[in-house]
């Protein structure tokens, strides 16, 4: 049984799904571009996927996304090297 405690929890789950999709598509550069644009404008916030994040939080999300993309690439390479049955 799944219980949703609040609308905020539901929204968070939706954001994680959107982030997961960007990772799967290899598109962490989207967030990187938004961070760089905010920095050029001397802003301490980043608007990403319909939500405003502090610069620190956005950079943490970006680091997570980039790490996961690298792991996905490693898994893909490993699978390609495996002999076919």
C-alpha atoms as a PDB file:
ATOM      1  CA  UNK A   1       0.000   0.000   0.000  1.00  0.00           C
ATOM      2  CA  UNK A   2       1.324   3.445  -0.944  1.00  0.00           C
ATOM      3  CA  UNK A   3       0.436   6.479   1.132  1.00  0.00           C
ATOM      4  CA  UNK A   4       1.063  10.005  -0.093  1.00  0.00           C
ATOM      5  CA  UNK A   5       1.478  12.262   2.908  1.00  0.00           C
ATOM      6  CA  UNK A   6       1.227  15.580   1.155  1.00  0.00           C
ATOM      7  CA  UNK A   7       1.093  17.302  -2.209  1.00  0.00           C
ATOM      8  CA  UNK A   8       4.750  18.246  -1.669  1.00  0.00           C
ATOM      9  CA  UNK A   9       5.689  14.549  -1.466  1.00  0.00           C
ATOM     10  CA  UNK A  10       3.807  13.856  -4.687  1.00  0.00           C
ATOM     11  CA  UNK A  11       5.551  16.785  -6.389  1.00  0.00           C
ATOM     12  CA  UNK A  12       8.943  15.588  -5.185  1.00  0.00           C
ATOM     13  CA  UNK A  13       8.330  12.132  -6.601  1.00  0.00           C
ATOM     14  CA  UNK A  14       7.373  13.726  -9.897  1.00  0.00           C
ATOM     15  CA  UNK A  15      10.564  15.807  -9.934  1.00  0.00           C
ATOM     16  CA  UNK A  16      12.683  12.724  -9.243  1.00  0.00           C
ATOM     17  CA  UNK A  17      10.995  10.989 -12.161  1.00  0.00           C
ATOM     18  CA  UNK A  18      11.720  13.952 -14.414  1.00  0.00           C
ATOM     19  CA  UNK A  19      15.341  14.036 -13.260  1.00  0.00           C
ATOM     20  CA  UNK A  20      15.628  10.280 -13.829  1.00  0.00           C
ATOM     21  CA  UNK A  21      14.333  10.735 -17.376  1.00  0.00           C
ATOM     22  CA  UNK A  22      16.888  13.479 -18.060  1.00  0.00           C
ATOM     23  CA  UNK A  23      19.635  11.192 -16.737  1.00  0.00           C
ATOM     24  CA  UNK A  24      18.440   8.331 -18.915  1.00  0.00           C
ATOM     25  CA  UNK A  25      18.454  10.664 -21.921  1.00  0.00           C
ATOM     26  CA  UNK A  26      21.958  11.930 -21.038  1.00  0.00           C
ATOM     27  CA  UNK A  27      20.746  15.500 -20.642  1.00  0.00           C
ATOM     28  CA  UNK A  28      22.352  16.778 -17.443  1.00  0.00           C
ATOM     29  CA  UNK A  29      23.730  19.543 -19.628  1.00  0.00           C
ATOM     30  CA  UNK A  30      20.255  21.141 -19.407  1.00  0.00           C
ATOM     31  CA  UNK A  31      20.729  21.870 -15.705  1.00  0.00           C
ATOM     32  CA  UNK A  32      24.379  22.826 -16.239  1.00  0.00           C
ATOM     33  CA  UNK A  33      23.300  25.441 -18.789  1.00  0.00           C
ATOM     34  CA  UNK A  34      20.680  26.848 -16.399  1.00  0.00           C
ATOM     35  CA  UNK A  35      23.217  27.052 -13.565  1.00  0.00           C
ATOM     36  CA  UNK A  36      25.708  28.899 -15.775  1.00  0.00           C
ATOM     37  CA  UNK A  37      23.013  31.314 -16.946  1.00  0.00           C
ATOM     38  CA  UNK A  38      22.009  32.063 -13.348  1.00  0.00           C
ATOM     39  CA  UNK A  39      25.651  32.631 -12.404  1.00  0.00           C
ATOM     40  CA  UNK A  40      26.131  35.051 -15.312  1.00  0.00           C
ATOM     41  CA  UNK A  41      23.106  36.994 -14.061  1.00  0.00           C
ATOM     42  CA  UNK A  42      24.496  36.965 -10.493  1.00  0.00           C
ATOM     43  CA  UNK A  43      21.450  35.065  -9.245  1.00  0.00           C
ATOM     44  CA  UNK A  44      21.629  32.680  -6.304  1.00  0.00           C
ATOM     45  CA  UNK A  45      18.707  30.574  -7.535  1.00  0.00           C
ATOM     46  CA  UNK A  46      18.066  28.268 -10.479  1.00  0.00           C
ATOM     47  CA  UNK A  47      14.638  27.583 -11.978  1.00  0.00           C
ATOM     48  CA  UNK A  48      14.606  23.939 -13.103  1.00  0.00           C
ATOM     49  CA  UNK A  49      11.680  21.635 -13.922  1.00  0.00           C
ATOM     50  CA  UNK A  50       9.115  24.076 -12.609  1.00  0.00           C
ATOM     51  CA  UNK A  51      10.795  24.660  -9.256  1.00  0.00           C
ATOM     52  CA  UNK A  52      13.251  27.208  -7.883  1.00  0.00           C
ATOM     53  CA  UNK A  53      16.389  25.715  -6.305  1.00  0.00           C
ATOM     54  CA  UNK A  54      19.187  27.427  -4.426  1.00  0.00           C
ATOM     55  CA  UNK A  55      22.449  27.477  -6.354  1.00  0.00           C
ATOM     56  CA  UNK A  56      23.932  24.966  -3.908  1.00  0.00           C
ATOM     57  CA  UNK A  57      21.016  22.555  -4.300  1.00  0.00           C
ATOM     58  CA  UNK A  58      21.093  22.868  -8.089  1.00  0.00           C
ATOM     59  CA  UNK A  59      24.814  22.063  -8.145  1.00  0.00           C
ATOM     60  CA  UNK A  60      24.247  19.030  -5.910  1.00  0.00           C
ATOM     61  CA  UNK A  61      21.510  17.787  -8.244  1.00  0.00           C
ATOM     62  CA  UNK A  62      23.830  18.346 -11.210  1.00  0.00           C
ATOM     63  CA  UNK A  63      26.626  16.353  -9.558  1.00  0.00           C
ATOM     64  CA  UNK A  64      24.178  13.519  -8.889  1.00  0.00           C
ATOM     65  CA  UNK A  65      22.910  13.608 -12.474  1.00  0.00           C
ATOM     66  CA  UNK A  66      26.410  13.577 -13.948  1.00  0.00           C
ATOM     67  CA  UNK A  67      27.491  10.690 -11.701  1.00  0.00           C
ATOM     68  CA  UNK A  68      24.441   8.658 -12.687  1.00  0.00           C
ATOM     69  CA  UNK A  69      25.043   9.367 -16.388  1.00  0.00           C
ATOM     70  CA  UNK A  70      28.606   8.074 -16.017  1.00  0.00           C
ATOM     71  CA  UNK A  71      27.341   4.945 -14.264  1.00  0.00           C
ATOM     72  CA  UNK A  72      24.780   4.399 -17.038  1.00  0.00           C
ATOM     73  CA  UNK A  73      27.536   4.686 -19.639  1.00  0.00           C
ATOM     74  CA  UNK A  74      29.683   2.145 -17.762  1.00  0.00           C
ATOM     75  CA  UNK A  75      26.771  -0.307 -17.582  1.00  0.00           C
ATOM     76  CA  UNK A  76      26.091   0.120 -21.282  1.00  0.00           C
ATOM     77  CA  UNK A  77      29.738  -0.488 -22.179  1.00  0.00           C
ATOM     78  CA  UNK A  78      29.828  -3.544 -19.904  1.00  0.00           C
ATOM     79  CA  UNK A  79      26.703  -4.982 -21.556  1.00  0.00           C
ATOM     80  CA  UNK A  80      28.120  -4.401 -25.022  1.00  0.00           C
ATOM     81  CA  UNK A  81      31.315  -6.265 -24.098  1.00  0.00           C
ATOM     82  CA  UNK A  82      29.420  -9.319 -22.835  1.00  0.00           C
ATOM     83  CA  UNK A  83      29.327 -12.249 -25.263  1.00  0.00           C
ATOM     84  CA  UNK A  84      25.972 -13.092 -26.753  1.00  0.00           C
ATOM     85  CA  UNK A  85      24.346 -16.322 -25.647  1.00  0.00           C
END
